[in-house]
């Protein structure tokens, strides 16, 4: 069983007991988190696709630790101008472990039968008379 879920603005393909690095979450280490934006759910070959998300489905996870990612070097240079700029960046990440995927199908209720009577009166639009066409005059010479 796997699911495609949105976590912190990114989509991940997750399954049970999978460790995932996501953008920094505000939850404390050791707390449990639930994600409700499940876009696709595969349960042993039965695929359910949401429009846009599946109602009632959720993914439960546990926050393991907060950490920083690898350093990314950004180097800018313009040749023959003496311009060099070196910059670095380390992304703040959170490591989570997926504890379970719940797929409670939404209950289908009977369609509500509402009788709405619309009073329509047919009003005849006034007829517009066209001007008579000009007749050709017979000329006798």
C-alpha atoms as a PDB file:
ATOM      1  CA  UNK A   1       0.000   0.000   0.000  1.00  0.00           C
ATOM      2  CA  UNK A   2       1.338   3.408  -0.952  1.00  0.00           C
ATOM      3  CA  UNK A   3       0.012   6.930  -1.260  1.00  0.00           C
ATOM      4  CA  UNK A   4       0.958  10.207  -2.868  1.00  0.00           C
ATOM      5  CA  UNK A   5       0.587  12.920  -0.251  1.00  0.00           C
ATOM      6  CA  UNK A   6       1.401  16.616  -0.004  1.00  0.00           C
ATOM      7  CA  UNK A   7       3.714  17.458   2.894  1.00  0.00           C
ATOM      8  CA  UNK A   8       4.937  21.032   3.430  1.00  0.00           C
ATOM      9  CA  UNK A   9       4.132  22.049  -0.132  1.00  0.00           C
ATOM     10  CA  UNK A  10       5.791  19.059  -1.847  1.00  0.00           C
ATOM     11  CA  UNK A  11       4.345  15.756  -3.020  1.00  0.00           C
ATOM     12  CA  UNK A  12       5.856  12.473  -1.803  1.00  0.00           C
ATOM     13  CA  UNK A  13       5.187   8.817  -2.583  1.00  0.00           C
ATOM     14  CA  UNK A  14       5.051   7.200   0.850  1.00  0.00           C
ATOM     15  CA  UNK A  15       4.442   3.768   2.296  1.00  0.00           C
ATOM     16  CA  UNK A  16       4.454   2.329   5.817  1.00  0.00           C
ATOM     17  CA  UNK A  17       7.772   2.497   7.750  1.00  0.00           C
ATOM     18  CA  UNK A  18       9.380   4.815   5.181  1.00  0.00           C
ATOM     19  CA  UNK A  19      11.716   7.573   6.419  1.00  0.00           C
ATOM     20  CA  UNK A  20      11.330  10.843   4.531  1.00  0.00           C
ATOM     21  CA  UNK A  21      13.170  14.179   4.685  1.00  0.00           C
ATOM     22  CA  UNK A  22      10.730  17.074   4.261  1.00  0.00           C
ATOM     23  CA  UNK A  23      10.939  20.835   4.644  1.00  0.00           C
ATOM     24  CA  UNK A  24      11.026  21.958   8.280  1.00  0.00           C
ATOM     25  CA  UNK A  25       7.804  21.273  10.184  1.00  0.00           C
ATOM     26  CA  UNK A  26       6.815  23.253  13.263  1.00  0.00           C
ATOM     27  CA  UNK A  27       6.053  20.136  15.348  1.00  0.00           C
ATOM     28  CA  UNK A  28       8.382  19.011  18.136  1.00  0.00           C
ATOM     29  CA  UNK A  29      10.529  15.886  17.876  1.00  0.00           C
ATOM     30  CA  UNK A  30       8.643  12.750  18.906  1.00  0.00           C
ATOM     31  CA  UNK A  31       5.185  14.125  18.151  1.00  0.00           C
ATOM     32  CA  UNK A  32       2.750  12.561  15.720  1.00  0.00           C
ATOM     33  CA  UNK A  33       1.572  14.396  12.613  1.00  0.00           C
ATOM     34  CA  UNK A  34      -1.342  13.690  10.267  1.00  0.00           C
ATOM     35  CA  UNK A  35      -1.466  14.775   6.626  1.00  0.00           C
ATOM     36  CA  UNK A  36      -4.887  15.005   4.965  1.00  0.00           C
ATOM     37  CA  UNK A  37      -3.974  16.008   1.405  1.00  0.00           C
ATOM     38  CA  UNK A  38      -3.794  12.503  -0.084  1.00  0.00           C
ATOM     39  CA  UNK A  39      -3.965  12.704  -3.873  1.00  0.00           C
ATOM     40  CA  UNK A  40      -3.585   9.019  -4.836  1.00  0.00           C
ATOM     41  CA  UNK A  41      -4.016   5.810  -2.903  1.00  0.00           C
ATOM     42  CA  UNK A  42      -2.984   2.312  -4.003  1.00  0.00           C
ATOM     43  CA  UNK A  43      -4.314  -0.564  -1.907  1.00  0.00           C
ATOM     44  CA  UNK A  44      -3.015  -3.830  -3.418  1.00  0.00           C
ATOM     45  CA  UNK A  45      -3.795  -2.839  -6.984  1.00  0.00           C
ATOM     46  CA  UNK A  46      -6.934  -0.846  -6.234  1.00  0.00           C
ATOM     47  CA  UNK A  47      -6.088   2.720  -7.178  1.00  0.00           C
ATOM     48  CA  UNK A  48      -8.135   5.647  -5.903  1.00  0.00           C
ATOM     49  CA  UNK A  49      -7.540   9.089  -7.327  1.00  0.00           C
ATOM     50  CA  UNK A  50      -8.824  12.211  -5.620  1.00  0.00           C
ATOM     51  CA  UNK A  51     -10.236  15.305  -7.200  1.00  0.00           C
ATOM     52  CA  UNK A  52      -8.037  17.005  -5.999  1.00  0.00           C
ATOM     53  CA  UNK A  53      -7.714  15.124  -2.682  1.00  0.00           C
ATOM     54  CA  UNK A  54      -9.332  11.949  -1.362  1.00  0.00           C
ATOM     55  CA  UNK A  55     -11.843  12.742   1.372  1.00  0.00           C
ATOM     56  CA  UNK A  56     -11.359  10.765   4.566  1.00  0.00           C
ATOM     57  CA  UNK A  57      -7.879   9.482   3.680  1.00  0.00           C
ATOM     58  CA  UNK A  58      -4.890  10.512   5.763  1.00  0.00           C
ATOM     59  CA  UNK A  59      -1.268   9.619   6.413  1.00  0.00           C
ATOM     60  CA  UNK A  60       0.061   9.429   9.973  1.00  0.00           C
ATOM     61  CA  UNK A  61       3.731  10.102  10.665  1.00  0.00           C
ATOM     62  CA  UNK A  62       6.088  10.666  13.581  1.00  0.00           C
ATOM     63  CA  UNK A  63       8.694  13.438  13.693  1.00  0.00           C
ATOM     64  CA  UNK A  64      12.115  11.889  14.311  1.00  0.00           C
ATOM     65  CA  UNK A  65      14.475  14.873  14.222  1.00  0.00           C
ATOM     66  CA  UNK A  66      15.129  18.350  12.882  1.00  0.00           C
ATOM     67  CA  UNK A  67      18.369  18.835  10.967  1.00  0.00           C
ATOM     68  CA  UNK A  68      20.094  20.792   8.211  1.00  0.00           C
ATOM     69  CA  UNK A  69      20.722  19.459   4.724  1.00  0.00           C
ATOM     70  CA  UNK A  70      23.991  19.384   2.798  1.00  0.00           C
ATOM     71  CA  UNK A  71      25.581  22.678   1.848  1.00  0.00           C
ATOM     72  CA  UNK A  72      24.865  23.913  -1.642  1.00  0.00           C
ATOM     73  CA  UNK A  73      27.459  26.305  -3.095  1.00  0.00           C
ATOM     74  CA  UNK A  74      26.224  29.091  -5.358  1.00  0.00           C
ATOM     75  CA  UNK A  75      29.089  30.640  -7.349  1.00  0.00           C
ATOM     76  CA  UNK A  76      28.577  33.563  -9.705  1.00  0.00           C
ATOM     77  CA  UNK A  77      31.226  34.973 -12.009  1.00  0.00           C
ATOM     78  CA  UNK A  78      31.387  37.419 -14.900  1.00  0.00           C
ATOM     79  CA  UNK A  79      34.443  36.912 -17.029  1.00  0.00           C
ATOM     80  CA  UNK A  80      36.917  39.716 -17.591  1.00  0.00           C
ATOM     81  CA  UNK A  81      35.107  41.943 -15.096  1.00  0.00           C
ATOM     82  CA  UNK A  82      36.650  40.772 -11.830  1.00  0.00           C
ATOM     83  CA  UNK A  83      33.214  39.855 -10.443  1.00  0.00           C
ATOM     84  CA  UNK A  84      33.078  36.742  -8.281  1.00  0.00           C
ATOM     85  CA  UNK A  85      30.424  35.986  -5.699  1.00  0.00           C
ATOM     86  CA  UNK A  86      30.449  32.817  -3.594  1.00  0.00           C
ATOM     87  CA  UNK A  87      27.410  31.965  -1.529  1.00  0.00           C
ATOM     88  CA  UNK A  88      26.266  28.901   0.408  1.00  0.00           C
ATOM     89  CA  UNK A  89      22.946  27.563   1.608  1.00  0.00           C
ATOM     90  CA  UNK A  90      21.829  24.765   3.957  1.00  0.00           C
ATOM     91  CA  UNK A  91      18.150  23.835   3.911  1.00  0.00           C
ATOM     92  CA  UNK A  92      16.335  23.204   7.198  1.00  0.00           C
ATOM     93  CA  UNK A  93      14.811  19.711   7.101  1.00  0.00           C
ATOM     94  CA  UNK A  94      12.697  17.412   9.251  1.00  0.00           C
ATOM     95  CA  UNK A  95      13.034  13.636   9.200  1.00  0.00           C
ATOM     96  CA  UNK A  96       9.730  11.799   9.609  1.00  0.00           C
ATOM     97  CA  UNK A  97       8.755   8.127   9.566  1.00  0.00           C
ATOM     98  CA  UNK A  98       5.411   7.089   8.088  1.00  0.00           C
ATOM     99  CA  UNK A  99       3.461   5.062  10.651  1.00  0.00           C
ATOM    100  CA  UNK A 100       0.321   4.309   8.673  1.00  0.00           C
ATOM    101  CA  UNK A 101      -1.997   5.135   5.822  1.00  0.00           C
ATOM    102  CA  UNK A 102      -5.727   5.216   6.525  1.00  0.00           C
ATOM    103  CA  UNK A 103      -8.199   5.084   3.679  1.00  0.00           C
ATOM    104  CA  UNK A 104     -11.674   5.471   5.055  1.00  0.00           C
ATOM    105  CA  UNK A 105     -13.940   5.685   2.056  1.00  0.00           C
ATOM    106  CA  UNK A 106     -16.486   8.458   2.229  1.00  0.00           C
ATOM    107  CA  UNK A 107     -19.984   7.253   2.966  1.00  0.00           C
ATOM    108  CA  UNK A 108     -22.267   7.598   0.008  1.00  0.00           C
ATOM    109  CA  UNK A 109     -25.556   9.023   1.109  1.00  0.00           C
ATOM    110  CA  UNK A 110     -28.760   8.731  -0.836  1.00  0.00           C
ATOM    111  CA  UNK A 111     -29.274  11.693  -3.116  1.00  0.00           C
ATOM    112  CA  UNK A 112     -31.506  14.285  -1.580  1.00  0.00           C
ATOM    113  CA  UNK A 113     -34.793  14.711  -3.358  1.00  0.00           C
ATOM    114  CA  UNK A 114     -35.691  18.339  -3.356  1.00  0.00           C
ATOM    115  CA  UNK A 115     -38.671  19.546  -5.272  1.00  0.00           C
ATOM    116  CA  UNK A 116     -38.146  23.006  -6.548  1.00  0.00           C
ATOM    117  CA  UNK A 117     -41.072  24.467  -8.404  1.00  0.00           C
ATOM    118  CA  UNK A 118     -40.190  27.312 -10.638  1.00  0.00           C
ATOM    119  CA  UNK A 119     -43.082  29.505 -11.635  1.00  0.00           C
ATOM    120  CA  UNK A 120     -42.572  30.400 -15.255  1.00  0.00           C
ATOM    121  CA  UNK A 121     -44.977  32.604 -17.107  1.00  0.00           C
ATOM    122  CA  UNK A 122     -44.680  32.732 -20.808  1.00  0.00           C
ATOM    123  CA  UNK A 123     -44.886  36.293 -21.872  1.00  0.00           C
ATOM    124  CA  UNK A 124     -45.183  36.848 -25.572  1.00  0.00           C
ATOM    125  CA  UNK A 125     -42.811  39.481 -26.791  1.00  0.00           C
ATOM    126  CA  UNK A 126     -44.462  42.225 -28.823  1.00  0.00           C
ATOM    127  CA  UNK A 127     -44.135  41.614 -32.514  1.00  0.00           C
ATOM    128  CA  UNK A 128     -42.156  44.168 -34.384  1.00  0.00           C
ATOM    129  CA  UNK A 129     -43.545  45.119 -37.755  1.00  0.00           C
ATOM    130  CA  UNK A 130     -41.025  45.552 -40.486  1.00  0.00           C
ATOM    131  CA  UNK A 131     -41.275  48.493 -42.817  1.00  0.00           C
ATOM    132  CA  UNK A 132     -42.675  47.531 -46.217  1.00  0.00           C
ATOM    133  CA  UNK A 133     -40.187  47.161 -49.000  1.00  0.00           C
ATOM    134  CA  UNK A 134     -40.080  49.792 -51.670  1.00  0.00           C
ATOM    135  CA  UNK A 135     -41.807  48.717 -54.887  1.00  0.00           C
ATOM    136  CA  UNK A 136     -40.150  48.989 -58.228  1.00  0.00           C
ATOM    137  CA  UNK A 137     -41.886  51.490 -60.351  1.00  0.00           C
ATOM    138  CA  UNK A 138     -42.543  50.562 -63.900  1.00  0.00           C
ATOM    139  CA  UNK A 139     -41.306  53.212 -66.235  1.00  0.00           C
ATOM    140  CA  UNK A 140     -42.923  53.496 -69.620  1.00  0.00           C
ATOM    141  CA  UNK A 141     -41.133  55.319 -72.376  1.00  0.00           C
END
